[in-house]
PDB file of N, CA and C in Angstrom:
ATOM      1  N   MET A   1      -5.746  -4.670  11.616  1.00  0.00           N
ATOM      2  CA  MET A   1      -6.969  -5.426  11.070  1.00  0.00           C
ATOM      3  C   MET A   1      -6.941  -4.493   9.130  1.00  0.00           C
ATOM      4  N   LEU A   2      -7.289  -5.871   8.633  1.00  0.00           N
ATOM      5  CA  LEU A   2      -6.973  -5.830   6.828  1.00  0.00           C
ATOM      6  C   LEU A   2      -8.717  -5.833   6.620  1.00  0.00           C
ATOM      7  N   VAL A   3      -9.072  -4.301   5.687  1.00  0.00           N
ATOM      8  CA  VAL A   3     -10.488  -4.524   5.846  1.00  0.00           C
ATOM      9  C   VAL A   3     -10.688  -3.692   3.895  1.00  0.00           C
ATOM     10  N   PRO A   4     -10.950  -5.219   3.344  1.00  0.00           N
ATOM     11  CA  PRO A   4     -11.177  -4.955   2.156  1.00  0.00           C
ATOM     12  C   PRO A   4     -11.912  -4.127   1.439  1.00  0.00           C
ATOM     13  N   PHE A   5     -11.090  -3.108  -0.120  1.00  0.00           N
ATOM     14  CA  PHE A   5     -12.445  -2.249  -0.701  1.00  0.00           C
ATOM     15  C   PHE A   5     -13.473  -2.622  -0.684  1.00  0.00           C
ATOM     16  N   GLN A   6     -13.854  -3.656  -1.405  1.00  0.00           N
ATOM     17  CA  GLN A   6     -14.711  -4.005  -1.778  1.00  0.00           C
ATOM     18  C   GLN A   6     -15.928  -3.833  -0.714  1.00  0.00           C
ATOM     19  N   ASP A   7     -15.363  -4.021   0.531  1.00  0.00           N
ATOM     20  CA  ASP A   7     -15.916  -3.752   1.558  1.00  0.00           C
ATOM     21  C   ASP A   7     -16.742  -2.139   2.272  1.00  0.00           C
ATOM     22  N   GLN A   8     -17.771  -1.876   1.429  1.00  0.00           N
ATOM     23  CA  GLN A   8     -17.694  -0.809   1.351  1.00  0.00           C
ATOM     24  C   GLN A   8     -17.876  -0.160   2.864  1.00  0.00           C
ATOM     25  N   ALA A   9     -19.133  -1.021   3.537  1.00  0.00           N
ATOM     26  CA  ALA A   9     -19.082  -0.557   4.879  1.00  0.00           C
ATOM     27  C   ALA A   9     -18.319  -0.203   6.161  1.00  0.00           C
ATOM     28  N   SER A  10     -17.624  -1.322   5.849  1.00  0.00           N
ATOM     29  CA  SER A  10     -16.404  -0.443   6.588  1.00  0.00           C
ATOM     30  C   SER A  10     -15.637   0.276   6.126  1.00  0.00           C
ATOM     31  N   VAL A  11     -15.454   0.138   5.089  1.00  0.00           N
ATOM     32  CA  VAL A  11     -13.964   1.465   4.075  1.00  0.00           C
ATOM     33  C   VAL A  11     -14.695   2.942   4.491  1.00  0.00           C
ATOM     34  N   ALA A  12     -15.787   2.854   4.427  1.00  0.00           N
ATOM     35  CA  ALA A  12     -16.230   4.117   4.905  1.00  0.00           C
ATOM     36  C   ALA A  12     -16.117   4.656   5.519  1.00  0.00           C
ATOM     37  N   ALA A  13     -16.134   4.245   7.194  1.00  0.00           N
ATOM     38  CA  ALA A  13     -15.761   5.269   8.508  1.00  0.00           C
ATOM     39  C   ALA A  13     -14.301   5.366   8.230  1.00  0.00           C
ATOM     40  N   PHE A  14     -13.416   5.085   7.157  1.00  0.00           N
ATOM     41  CA  PHE A  14     -11.983   5.199   7.179  1.00  0.00           C
ATOM     42  C   PHE A  14     -11.750   6.745   6.379  1.00  0.00           C
ATOM     43  N   GLY A  15     -13.156   6.785   5.442  1.00  0.00           N
ATOM     44  CA  GLY A  15     -13.289   8.864   4.931  1.00  0.00           C
ATOM     45  C   GLY A  15     -12.482   8.365   3.379  1.00  0.00           C
ATOM     46  N   ILE A  16     -11.978   7.343   2.729  1.00  0.00           N
ATOM     47  CA  ILE A  16     -10.937   7.119   1.714  1.00  0.00           C
ATOM     48  C   ILE A  16     -11.622   6.684   0.589  1.00  0.00           C
ATOM     49  N   PRO A  17     -11.676   7.770  -0.619  1.00  0.00           N
ATOM     50  CA  PRO A  17     -12.498   8.029  -1.937  1.00  0.00           C
ATOM     51  C   PRO A  17     -12.035   6.089  -2.496  1.00  0.00           C
ATOM     52  N   LEU A  18     -13.243   5.732  -2.826  1.00  0.00           N
ATOM     53  CA  LEU A  18     -13.225   4.295  -3.552  1.00  0.00           C
ATOM     54  C   LEU A  18     -11.751   4.328  -4.654  1.00  0.00           C
ATOM     55  N   PRO A  19     -12.220   5.327  -5.528  1.00  0.00           N
ATOM     56  CA  PRO A  19     -11.339   5.584  -6.662  1.00  0.00           C
ATOM     57  C   PRO A  19      -9.524   5.614  -6.028  1.00  0.00           C
ATOM     58  N   ALA A  20      -9.134   6.243  -4.745  1.00  0.00           N
ATOM     59  CA  ALA A  20      -8.272   5.862  -4.422  1.00  0.00           C
ATOM     60  C   ALA A  20      -7.459   4.409  -4.240  1.00  0.00           C
ATOM     61  N   LEU A  21      -8.889   3.754  -3.180  1.00  0.00           N
ATOM     62  CA  LEU A  21      -9.087   2.450  -2.342  1.00  0.00           C
ATOM     63  C   LEU A  21      -7.991   1.727  -3.363  1.00  0.00           C
ATOM     64  N   ALA A  22      -9.420   2.076  -4.727  1.00  0.00           N
ATOM     65  CA  ALA A  22      -8.961   1.121  -5.809  1.00  0.00           C
ATOM     66  C   ALA A  22      -7.589   1.031  -6.191  1.00  0.00           C
ATOM     67  N   ALA A  23      -7.042   2.313  -6.359  1.00  0.00           N
ATOM     68  CA  ALA A  23      -5.415   2.676  -7.265  1.00  0.00           C
ATOM     69  C   ALA A  23      -4.218   2.108  -6.638  1.00  0.00           C
ATOM     70  N   ALA A  24      -4.528   1.854  -4.543  1.00  0.00           N
ATOM     71  CA  ALA A  24      -3.223   1.652  -3.988  1.00  0.00           C
ATOM     72  C   ALA A  24      -3.933   1.304  -2.388  1.00  0.00           C
ATOM     73  N   MET A  25      -2.940   0.185  -2.356  1.00  0.00           N
ATOM     74  CA  MET A  25      -3.439  -0.348  -0.770  1.00  0.00           C
ATOM     75  C   MET A  25      -3.285   1.161   0.453  1.00  0.00           C
ATOM     76  N   HIS A  26      -3.279   1.231   0.912  1.00  0.00           N
ATOM     77  CA  HIS A  26      -3.790   2.439   2.322  1.00  0.00           C
ATOM     78  C   HIS A  26      -3.296   1.391   3.447  1.00  0.00           C
ATOM     79  N   LEU A  27      -3.101   2.291   4.265  1.00  0.00           N
ATOM     80  CA  LEU A  27      -2.428   1.920   5.780  1.00  0.00           C
ATOM     81  C   LEU A  27      -2.783   2.851   6.804  1.00  0.00           C
ATOM     82  N   VAL A  28      -3.904   2.432   7.139  1.00  0.00           N
ATOM     83  CA  VAL A  28      -4.373   4.120   8.584  1.00  0.00           C
ATOM     84  C   VAL A  28      -3.729   3.320   9.956  1.00  0.00           C
ATOM     85  N   LEU A  29      -2.104   4.195  10.358  1.00  0.00           N
ATOM     86  CA  LEU A  29      -1.682   4.080  11.843  1.00  0.00           C
ATOM     87  C   LEU A  29      -2.609   4.151  12.533  1.00  0.00           C
ATOM     88  N   PRO A  30      -2.257   3.282  13.075  1.00  0.00           N
ATOM     89  CA  PRO A  30      -3.103   3.530  14.693  1.00  0.00           C
ATOM     90  C   PRO A  30      -2.941   4.906  14.983  1.00  0.00           C
ATOM     91  N   PRO A  31      -4.456   5.601  16.237  1.00  0.00           N
ATOM     92  CA  PRO A  31      -3.567   6.598  17.145  1.00  0.00           C
ATOM     93  C   PRO A  31      -2.798   6.574  18.300  1.00  0.00           C
ATOM     94  N   PRO A  32      -1.437   7.428  18.414  1.00  0.00           N
ATOM     95  CA  PRO A  32      -2.539   8.876  18.021  1.00  0.00           C
ATOM     96  C   PRO A  32      -1.936   8.916  16.441  1.00  0.00           C
ATOM     97  N   ASP A  33      -1.295   8.569  15.795  1.00  0.00           N
ATOM     98  CA  ASP A  33      -0.338   9.108  14.569  1.00  0.00           C
ATOM     99  C   ASP A  33      -1.913   9.140  13.637  1.00  0.00           C
ATOM    100  N   GLY A  34      -2.853   8.107  13.621  1.00  0.00           N
ATOM    101  CA  GLY A  34      -3.361   8.366  12.540  1.00  0.00           C
ATOM    102  C   GLY A  34      -3.143   8.286  11.332  1.00  0.00           C
ATOM    103  N   ARG A  35      -1.957   8.807  11.118  1.00  0.00           N
ATOM    104  CA  ARG A  35      -1.733   8.846   8.951  1.00  0.00           C
ATOM    105  C   ARG A  35      -2.376   7.964   8.081  1.00  0.00           C
ATOM    106  N   VAL A  36      -2.795   8.734   7.103  1.00  0.00           N
ATOM    107  CA  VAL A  36      -3.092   7.405   6.288  1.00  0.00           C
ATOM    108  C   VAL A  36      -1.377   7.277   5.122  1.00  0.00           C
ATOM    109  N   LEU A  37      -1.458   6.143   5.008  1.00  0.00           N
ATOM    110  CA  LEU A  37       0.024   6.195   3.991  1.00  0.00           C
ATOM    111  C   LEU A  37      -0.814   5.329   3.192  1.00  0.00           C
ATOM    112  N   ALA A  38      -0.672   5.589   1.478  1.00  0.00           N
ATOM    113  CA  ALA A  38      -0.478   4.627   0.665  1.00  0.00           C
ATOM    114  C   ALA A  38      -0.001   4.323  -0.816  1.00  0.00           C
ATOM    115  N   GLY A  39      -0.131   2.909  -0.895  1.00  0.00           N
ATOM    116  CA  GLY A  39       0.786   2.594  -2.198  1.00  0.00           C
ATOM    117  C   GLY A  39       2.559   2.069  -1.605  1.00  0.00           C
ATOM    118  N   ALA A  40       3.411   2.780  -2.221  1.00  0.00           N
ATOM    119  CA  ALA A  40       4.673   2.185  -1.890  1.00  0.00           C
ATOM    120  C   ALA A  40       5.559   2.993  -0.297  1.00  0.00           C
ATOM    121  N   ASP A  41       4.594   4.074   0.111  1.00  0.00           N
ATOM    122  CA  ASP A  41       4.951   4.717   1.351  1.00  0.00           C
ATOM    123  C   ASP A  41       4.263   4.069   2.709  1.00  0.00           C
ATOM    124  N   ALA A  42       3.277   3.434   2.192  1.00  0.00           N
ATOM    125  CA  ALA A  42       2.798   2.460   2.876  1.00  0.00           C
ATOM    126  C   ALA A  42       3.858   1.055   3.578  1.00  0.00           C
ATOM    127  N   VAL A  43       4.500   0.867   2.450  1.00  0.00           N
ATOM    128  CA  VAL A  43       5.147  -0.339   2.873  1.00  0.00           C
ATOM    129  C   VAL A  43       6.044  -0.812   3.923  1.00  0.00           C
ATOM    130  N   PRO A  44       7.410   0.472   3.822  1.00  0.00           N
ATOM    131  CA  PRO A  44       7.851   0.317   5.317  1.00  0.00           C
ATOM    132  C   PRO A  44       7.568   1.002   6.561  1.00  0.00           C
ATOM    133  N   GLU A  45       6.158   1.625   6.685  1.00  0.00           N
ATOM    134  CA  GLU A  45       5.480   1.334   7.942  1.00  0.00           C
ATOM    135  C   GLU A  45       4.824  -0.123   7.985  1.00  0.00           C
ATOM    136  N   LEU A  46       3.964  -0.533   6.871  1.00  0.00           N
ATOM    137  CA  LEU A  46       3.730  -1.717   7.187  1.00  0.00           C
ATOM    138  C   LEU A  46       4.633  -2.902   7.806  1.00  0.00           C
ATOM    139  N   LEU A  47       6.297  -2.651   7.265  1.00  0.00           N
ATOM    140  CA  LEU A  47       7.015  -4.081   7.779  1.00  0.00           C
ATOM    141  C   LEU A  47       7.706  -3.107   9.325  1.00  0.00           C
ATOM    142  N   ARG A  48       7.265  -2.343   9.209  1.00  0.00           N
ATOM    143  CA  ARG A  48       7.523  -2.280  10.827  1.00  0.00           C
ATOM    144  C   ARG A  48       6.770  -2.858  11.750  1.00  0.00           C
ATOM    145  N   LEU A  49       5.316  -2.906  11.174  1.00  0.00           N
ATOM    146  CA  LEU A  49       5.061  -3.209  12.123  1.00  0.00           C
ATOM    147  C   LEU A  49       4.740  -4.630  12.025  1.00  0.00           C
ATOM    148  N   LEU A  50       4.958  -5.218  10.862  1.00  0.00           N
ATOM    149  CA  LEU A  50       4.972  -6.902  11.127  1.00  0.00           C
ATOM    150  C   LEU A  50       5.829  -7.219  11.965  1.00  0.00           C
ATOM    151  N   LEU A  51       5.815  -8.126  12.748  1.00  0.00           N
ATOM    152  CA  LEU A  51       6.916  -9.114  13.806  1.00  0.00           C
ATOM    153  C   LEU A  51       7.613 -10.102  12.604  1.00  0.00           C
ATOM    154  N   GLY A  52       8.661  -9.894  12.993  1.00  0.00           N
ATOM    155  CA  GLY A  52      10.042 -10.255  12.479  1.00  0.00           C
ATOM    156  C   GLY A  52      10.113  -9.526  10.578  1.00  0.00           C
ATOM    157  N   LYS A  53       9.631  -8.372  10.607  1.00  0.00           N
ATOM    158  CA  LYS A  53       9.655  -8.487   9.133  1.00  0.00           C
ATOM    159  C   LYS A  53       9.973  -6.200   9.175  1.00  0.00           C
ATOM    160  N   ARG A  54      10.047  -6.346  10.497  1.00  0.00           N
ATOM    161  CA  ARG A  54      10.891  -5.095  11.208  1.00  0.00           C
ATOM    162  C   ARG A  54      12.583  -4.203  10.471  1.00  0.00           C
ATOM    163  N   TRP A  55      13.247  -5.764  10.215  1.00  0.00           N
ATOM    164  CA  TRP A  55      14.591  -5.362   9.472  1.00  0.00           C
ATOM    165  C   TRP A  55      14.357  -5.215   8.122  1.00  0.00           C
ATOM    166  N   LEU A  56      13.104  -4.993   7.694  1.00  0.00           N
ATOM    167  CA  LEU A  56      13.371  -4.851   6.211  1.00  0.00           C
ATOM    168  C   LEU A  56      13.223  -3.622   5.578  1.00  0.00           C
ATOM    169  N   ALA A  57      12.439  -2.828   6.787  1.00  0.00           N
ATOM    170  CA  ALA A  57      11.738  -1.093   6.557  1.00  0.00           C
ATOM    171  C   ALA A  57      13.177  -0.402   6.418  1.00  0.00           C
ATOM    172  N   TRP A  58      14.525  -1.138   6.570  1.00  0.00           N
ATOM    173  CA  TRP A  58      15.173  -0.350   6.541  1.00  0.00           C
ATOM    174  C   TRP A  58      16.272   0.572   5.052  1.00  0.00           C
ATOM    175  N   GLY A  59      15.504  -0.756   4.390  1.00  0.00           N
ATOM    176  CA  GLY A  59      16.329  -0.318   3.149  1.00  0.00           C
ATOM    177  C   GLY A  59      15.326   0.224   2.276  1.00  0.00           C
ATOM    178  N   PHE A  60      14.353   1.564   3.026  1.00  0.00           N
ATOM    179  CA  PHE A  60      14.014   2.405   2.428  1.00  0.00           C
ATOM    180  C   PHE A  60      14.391   3.434   2.590  1.00  0.00           C
ATOM    181  N   ARG A  61      15.273   3.443   3.442  1.00  0.00           N
ATOM    182  CA  ARG A  61      15.791   4.247   4.186  1.00  0.00           C
ATOM    183  C   ARG A  61      17.105   5.271   2.958  1.00  0.00           C
ATOM    184  N   ILE A  62      17.414   4.032   1.915  1.00  0.00           N
ATOM    185  CA  ILE A  62      18.232   3.777   1.234  1.00  0.00           C
ATOM    186  C   ILE A  62      18.038   5.077   0.423  1.00  0.00           C
ATOM    187  N   PRO A  63      18.930   6.115  -0.050  1.00  0.00           N
ATOM    188  CA  PRO A  63      18.606   7.350  -1.005  1.00  0.00           C
ATOM    189  C   PRO A  63      18.374   6.547  -1.806  1.00  0.00           C
ATOM    190  N   GLY A  64      17.099   6.801  -3.005  1.00  0.00           N
ATOM    191  CA  GLY A  64      16.861   6.622  -3.995  1.00  0.00           C
ATOM    192  C   GLY A  64      16.118   5.431  -4.281  1.00  0.00           C
ATOM    193  N   VAL A  65      16.100   4.803  -3.025  1.00  0.00           N
ATOM    194  CA  VAL A  65      15.132   3.388  -2.798  1.00  0.00           C
ATOM    195  C   VAL A  65      13.453   4.353  -3.170  1.00  0.00           C
ATOM    196  N   MET A  66      13.240   4.760  -2.719  1.00  0.00           N
ATOM    197  CA  MET A  66      11.710   5.018  -2.285  1.00  0.00           C
ATOM    198  C   MET A  66      10.606   5.749  -3.626  1.00  0.00           C
ATOM    199  N   PRO A  67      11.609   6.495  -4.449  1.00  0.00           N
ATOM    200  CA  PRO A  67      11.683   6.768  -5.533  1.00  0.00           C
ATOM    201  C   PRO A  67      11.524   5.900  -6.560  1.00  0.00           C
ATOM    202  N   LEU A  68      12.385   4.652  -6.389  1.00  0.00           N
ATOM    203  CA  LEU A  68      12.378   3.406  -7.118  1.00  0.00           C
ATOM    204  C   LEU A  68      10.851   2.370  -6.972  1.00  0.00           C
ATOM    205  N   ALA A  69      11.107   2.488  -5.536  1.00  0.00           N
ATOM    206  CA  ALA A  69       9.462   1.633  -4.525  1.00  0.00           C
ATOM    207  C   ALA A  69       8.997   2.527  -5.193  1.00  0.00           C
ATOM    208  N   ARG A  70       8.156   3.581  -5.795  1.00  0.00           N
ATOM    209  CA  ARG A  70       6.614   4.426  -5.939  1.00  0.00           C
ATOM    210  C   ARG A  70       6.947   4.272  -7.409  1.00  0.00           C
ATOM    211  N   ARG A  71       7.592   3.446  -8.563  1.00  0.00           N
ATOM    212  CA  ARG A  71       7.694   3.865 -10.003  1.00  0.00           C
ATOM    213  C   ARG A  71       7.505   1.922  -9.941  1.00  0.00           C
ATOM    214  N   LEU A  72       7.447   1.408  -8.935  1.00  0.00           N
ATOM    215  CA  LEU A  72       7.525  -0.177  -9.248  1.00  0.00           C
ATOM    216  C   LEU A  72       5.985  -0.412  -8.892  1.00  0.00           C
ATOM    217  N   TYR A  73       5.993   0.763  -7.723  1.00  0.00           N
ATOM    218  CA  TYR A  73       4.108  -0.112  -7.389  1.00  0.00           C
ATOM    219  C   TYR A  73       3.395   0.489  -7.997  1.00  0.00           C
ATOM    220  N   ALA A  74       3.287   1.415  -8.315  1.00  0.00           N
ATOM    221  CA  ALA A  74       2.538   2.180  -9.466  1.00  0.00           C
ATOM    222  C   ALA A  74       2.457   1.285 -10.781  1.00  0.00           C
ATOM    223  N   TRP A  75       3.529   0.467 -11.107  1.00  0.00           N
ATOM    224  CA  TRP A  75       3.613  -0.005 -12.363  1.00  0.00           C
ATOM    225  C   TRP A  75       2.891  -1.666 -12.089  1.00  0.00           C
ATOM    226  N   VAL A  76       3.154  -1.935 -10.698  1.00  0.00           N
ATOM    227  CA  VAL A  76       2.411  -3.784 -10.605  1.00  0.00           C
ATOM    228  C   VAL A  76       1.188  -3.074 -10.373  1.00  0.00           C
ATOM    229  N   ALA A  77       0.665  -1.799  -9.569  1.00  0.00           N
ATOM    230  CA  ALA A  77      -0.705  -1.747  -9.314  1.00  0.00           C
ATOM    231  C   ALA A  77      -1.813  -1.209 -11.192  1.00  0.00           C
ATOM    232  N   ARG A  78      -0.892  -0.559 -11.760  1.00  0.00           N
ATOM    233  CA  ARG A  78      -1.763  -0.398 -12.999  1.00  0.00           C
ATOM    234  C   ARG A  78      -1.890  -2.301 -13.807  1.00  0.00           C
ATOM    235  N   ARG A  79      -1.318  -2.905 -13.838  1.00  0.00           N
ATOM    236  CA  ARG A  79      -0.761  -4.143 -14.038  1.00  0.00           C
ATOM    237  C   ARG A  79      -1.935  -5.095 -13.027  1.00  0.00           C
ATOM    238  N   ARG A  80      -2.034  -4.898 -12.238  1.00  0.00           N
ATOM    239  CA  ARG A  80      -2.483  -6.140 -10.977  1.00  0.00           C
ATOM    240  C   ARG A  80      -3.294  -7.396 -12.055  1.00  0.00           C
ATOM    241  N   ARG A  81      -4.223  -6.849 -12.483  1.00  0.00           N
ATOM    242  CA  ARG A  81      -5.216  -7.509 -12.536  1.00  0.00           C
ATOM    243  C   ARG A  81      -4.911  -8.621 -13.833  1.00  0.00           C
ATOM    244  N   CYS A  82      -4.098  -8.028 -15.185  1.00  0.00           N
ATOM    245  CA  CYS A  82      -3.025  -9.080 -15.362  1.00  0.00           C
ATOM    246  C   CYS A  82      -1.736  -9.692 -15.440  1.00  0.00           C
ATOM    247  N   LEU A  83      -1.753  -9.363 -14.516  1.00  0.00           N
ATOM    248  CA  LEU A  83      -0.606  -9.741 -13.367  1.00  0.00           C
ATOM    249  C   LEU A  83      -1.453 -11.694 -13.287  1.00  0.00           C
ATOM    250  N   VAL A  84      -2.215 -11.114 -12.102  1.00  0.00           N
ATOM    251  CA  VAL A  84      -2.659 -12.054 -11.002  1.00  0.00           C
ATOM    252  C   VAL A  84      -3.864 -13.179 -12.544  1.00  0.00           C
ATOM    253  N   ARG A  85      -3.728 -12.742 -13.483  1.00  0.00           N
ATOM    254  CA  ARG A  85      -4.925 -13.486 -14.395  1.00  0.00           C
ATOM    255  C   ARG A  85      -3.646 -14.121 -15.625  1.00  0.00           C
ATOM    256  N   GLY A  86      -2.842 -13.465 -15.505  1.00  0.00           N
ATOM    257  CA  GLY A  86      -1.708 -14.126 -16.932  1.00  0.00           C
ATOM    258  C   GLY A  86      -1.719 -13.332 -18.007  1.00  0.00           C
ATOM    259  N   TYR A  87      -2.599 -12.274 -17.968  1.00  0.00           N
ATOM    260  CA  TYR A  87      -2.879 -11.749 -19.413  1.00  0.00           C
ATOM    261  C   TYR A  87      -1.819 -10.379 -19.298  1.00  0.00           C
ATOM    262  N   ARG A  88      -1.527 -10.157 -20.816  1.00  0.00           N
ATOM    263  CA  ARG A  88      -0.054  -9.162 -21.046  1.00  0.00           C
ATOM    264  C   ARG A  88      -0.611  -7.447 -21.091  1.00  0.00           C
ATOM    265  N   VAL A  89      -0.089  -6.837 -21.040  1.00  0.00           N
ATOM    266  CA  VAL A  89      -0.635  -5.702 -21.276  1.00  0.00           C
ATOM    267  C   VAL A  89       0.275  -4.711 -22.403  1.00  0.00           C
ATOM    268  N   ASP A  90      -0.529  -4.048 -22.865  1.00  0.00           N
ATOM    269  CA  ASP A  90       0.298  -3.040 -24.541  1.00  0.00           C
ATOM    270  C   ASP A  90       0.635  -2.287 -23.511  1.00  0.00           C
TER     271      ASP A  90
END
């Protein structure tokens, strides 16, 4: 289920603070796991859950990929409004 963070009534059920939701996507794994993963850490699990995309998750096991993915995710997240609108960030 995809829940946009702007839907505060639905988001409240997950107990994740709004500033955290605004900073990164969050993946709440189904029970019994129930883990909450955010940003780049959520990507491999999300790929494992998507039919036909599971094979892409293996790349995140390569040494050095997760630190790079976290830096790339943070870079894009800081600039996402500008990237979508075509503005430049200094």
